[in-house]
Amino acid sequence: MKIKYQKDMVFHISKDFMPLLGACIDDAHPNEATGLLFGNIKQFKVGDDYQYHYYVRRFECVESSHKSPIAFLLNNDEFLFEMVYNIEQVEGFKVIGIFHSHPSGLYPSSVDHYYMQLFYESGILKFKHLIWIIMDSQNKDAKAFLLYEGDLTEIVLAID
């Protein structure tokens, strides 16, 4: 699977969130952990081009509907839509990313890629450009990905 790289998109996670992501992984062990990342997106004009910066302001660890060390599933639609709606309405943050862990490794699996395509093609604008944060359960390294113009693309992950 070929992965492109897009330096004009940056996903910012405060270092204060990293222990929360790690705890989510530890709680789900030996299975994949999953959660939703909420925040805002800012566009900056740089010369003749634009940069898009995603800023995480809230993290919610979400129990997977399918407990497995090699896959996760979020299919409790009513719960998820209610969570997203409440955080958007009360705190003003939108869902900007999906977090999940891998037992080892940082790159999207074929299953991840399939679900990224489903979200991208869902017709629901808020899900089209979700950033997927994948964290290695062993060393807690992470990378950020999305489907950009239909291509699997790695973006900059900044832990500030």
Protein backbone atom coordinates (compact mmCIF):
# COMPACT_ATOMS: atom_id res chain seq x y z
CA MET A 1 0.00 0.00 0.00
CA LYS A 2 1.59 3.26 -1.15
CA ILE A 3 1.45 6.15 1.30
CA LYS A 4 1.89 9.78 0.27
CA TYR A 5 3.14 12.51 2.60
CA GLN A 6 1.48 15.92 3.03
CA LYS A 7 3.52 18.50 4.95
CA ASP A 8 0.85 21.22 4.68
CA MET A 9 -1.39 19.46 7.19
CA VAL A 10 -0.35 19.35 10.83
CA PHE A 11 -2.14 17.52 13.64
CA HIS A 12 -1.27 19.05 17.02
CA ILE A 13 -1.63 17.07 20.22
CA SER A 14 -0.53 18.62 23.48
CA LYS A 15 1.96 16.45 25.34
CA ASP A 16 -0.58 16.61 28.20
CA PHE A 17 -2.86 14.30 26.17
CA MET A 18 -0.23 11.61 25.67
CA PRO A 19 -0.75 9.98 29.11
CA LEU A 20 -4.50 9.80 28.34
CA LEU A 21 -3.83 7.98 25.07
CA GLY A 22 -1.42 5.65 26.87
CA ALA A 23 -3.99 4.93 29.61
CA CYS A 24 -6.59 4.16 26.95
CA ILE A 25 -4.19 1.61 25.47
CA ASP A 26 -3.38 0.11 28.87
CA ASP A 27 -7.09 -0.20 29.73
CA ALA A 28 -7.83 -2.02 26.46
CA HIS A 29 -4.78 -4.33 26.62
CA PRO A 30 -4.34 -6.85 25.03
CA ASN A 31 -6.89 -5.48 22.54
CA GLU A 32 -6.70 -2.43 20.31
CA ALA A 33 -7.66 0.79 22.03
CA THR A 34 -9.79 3.39 20.33
CA GLY A 35 -11.10 6.88 20.95
CA LEU A 36 -12.21 10.14 19.42
CA LEU A 37 -10.21 13.36 19.26
CA PHE A 38 -12.06 16.68 19.37
CA GLY A 39 -10.84 20.19 18.67
CA ASN A 40 -10.68 22.73 15.91
CA ILE A 41 -9.05 23.28 12.54
CA LYS A 42 -7.32 26.47 11.45
CA GLN A 43 -6.31 27.44 7.93
CA PHE A 44 -3.22 29.56 7.33
CA LYS A 45 -2.14 31.20 4.09
CA VAL A 46 1.54 30.62 3.45
CA GLY A 47 2.71 32.34 0.28
CA ASP A 48 0.43 31.12 -2.50
CA ASP A 49 -0.55 27.99 -0.58
CA TYR A 50 -2.51 27.04 2.53
CA GLN A 51 -1.70 25.00 5.60
CA TYR A 52 -4.27 23.26 7.75
CA HIS A 53 -3.60 22.77 11.44
CA TYR A 54 -5.73 20.49 13.59
CA TYR A 55 -5.66 21.21 17.34
CA VAL A 56 -6.80 18.56 19.83
CA ARG A 57 -8.71 20.02 22.77
CA ARG A 58 -10.40 16.89 24.10
CA PHE A 59 -9.94 13.12 23.98
CA GLU A 60 -12.54 10.46 24.71
CA CYS A 61 -11.39 6.86 25.04
CA VAL A 62 -14.20 4.71 23.60
CA GLU A 63 -14.62 1.01 24.23
CA SER A 64 -14.43 -0.96 21.01
CA SER A 65 -17.56 -2.87 20.03
CA HIS A 66 -15.28 -5.68 18.85
CA LYS A 67 -12.57 -6.63 21.32
CA SER A 68 -9.57 -7.84 19.36
CA PRO A 69 -5.80 -7.37 19.42
CA ILE A 70 -5.83 -6.73 15.65
CA ALA A 71 -8.97 -4.67 15.01
CA PHE A 72 -11.43 -2.26 16.56
CA LEU A 73 -15.03 -1.42 15.74
CA LEU A 74 -17.13 1.60 16.67
CA ASN A 75 -20.67 0.61 15.81
CA ASN A 76 -22.67 2.03 18.70
CA ASP A 77 -23.97 4.77 16.42
CA GLU A 78 -26.48 6.29 18.85
CA PHE A 79 -23.88 6.64 21.63
CA LEU A 80 -21.23 8.06 19.27
CA PHE A 81 -23.54 10.56 17.57
CA GLU A 82 -24.83 11.73 20.97
CA MET A 83 -21.25 12.17 22.26
CA VAL A 84 -20.16 14.07 19.14
CA TYR A 85 -23.29 16.25 19.19
CA ASN A 86 -22.96 17.11 22.90
CA ILE A 87 -19.28 18.02 22.66
CA GLU A 88 -19.93 20.13 19.56
CA GLN A 89 -22.88 21.94 21.16
CA VAL A 90 -21.56 22.40 24.69
CA GLU A 91 -17.82 22.87 24.13
CA GLY A 92 -17.76 24.01 20.50
CA PHE A 93 -15.27 21.34 19.42
CA LYS A 94 -15.74 19.13 16.41
CA VAL A 95 -14.56 15.57 15.98
CA ILE A 96 -11.24 15.85 14.14
CA GLY A 97 -9.71 12.44 14.59
CA ILE A 98 -9.99 8.77 15.37
CA PHE A 99 -7.35 7.30 17.65
CA HIS A 100 -6.48 3.64 17.85
CA SER A 101 -3.58 1.44 18.76
CA HIS A 102 -1.77 -1.36 17.02
CA PRO A 103 0.01 -4.16 18.90
CA SER A 104 3.14 -3.01 17.09
CA GLY A 105 3.66 -0.76 14.11
CA LEU A 106 2.43 2.64 13.08
CA TYR A 107 0.91 2.23 9.64
CA PRO A 108 -2.72 1.66 8.65
CA SER A 109 -3.71 -1.95 8.10
CA SER A 110 -5.84 -2.98 5.13
CA VAL A 111 -8.84 -2.94 7.52
CA ASP A 112 -7.97 0.62 8.63
CA HIS A 113 -7.69 1.69 4.99
CA TYR A 114 -11.08 0.13 4.22
CA TYR A 115 -12.75 2.06 7.06
CA MET A 116 -10.96 5.26 6.10
CA GLN A 117 -12.48 4.89 2.63
CA LEU A 118 -15.95 4.25 4.11
CA PHE A 119 -15.76 7.45 6.17
CA TYR A 120 -14.31 9.39 3.22
CA GLU A 121 -17.11 8.23 0.89
CA SER A 122 -19.92 8.37 3.50
CA GLY A 123 -21.28 11.68 2.26
CA ILE A 124 -21.08 13.06 5.81
CA LEU A 125 -18.76 16.04 5.52
CA LYS A 126 -17.57 15.93 9.15
CA PHE A 127 -16.25 12.39 8.59
CA LYS A 128 -14.63 12.95 5.19
CA HIS A 129 -11.30 14.31 6.42
CA LEU A 130 -10.94 12.71 9.83
CA ILE A 131 -7.35 12.22 10.86
CA TRP A 132 -6.45 8.71 12.00
CA ILE A 133 -3.90 8.61 14.79
CA ILE A 134 -2.25 5.21 15.13
CA MET A 135 -0.16 4.51 18.21
CA ASP A 136 2.15 1.56 18.74
CA SER A 137 1.03 -0.15 21.98
CA GLN A 138 4.55 -1.15 22.90
CA ASN A 139 6.59 2.04 22.53
CA LYS A 140 3.74 4.60 22.37
CA ASP A 141 5.07 6.19 19.16
CA ALA A 142 2.34 7.59 16.92
CA LYS A 143 1.67 8.75 13.36
CA ALA A 144 -1.20 10.62 11.68
CA PHE A 145 -2.98 9.65 8.46
CA LEU A 146 -5.99 10.55 6.36
CA LEU A 147 -7.40 9.95 2.93
CA TYR A 148 -6.51 13.05 0.94
CA GLU A 149 -7.94 13.29 -2.57
CA GLY A 150 -8.58 9.55 -2.29
CA ASP A 151 -4.97 8.65 -1.45
CA LEU A 152 -3.68 7.28 1.84
CA THR A 153 -1.61 10.16 3.17
CA GLU A 154 0.60 10.64 6.21
CA ILE A 155 0.57 14.13 7.71
CA VAL A 156 2.72 15.86 10.28
CA LEU A 157 2.00 14.84 13.88
CA ALA A 158 3.21 17.55 16.26
CA ILE A 159 3.30 16.73 19.96
CA ASP A 160 3.58 20.21 21.46
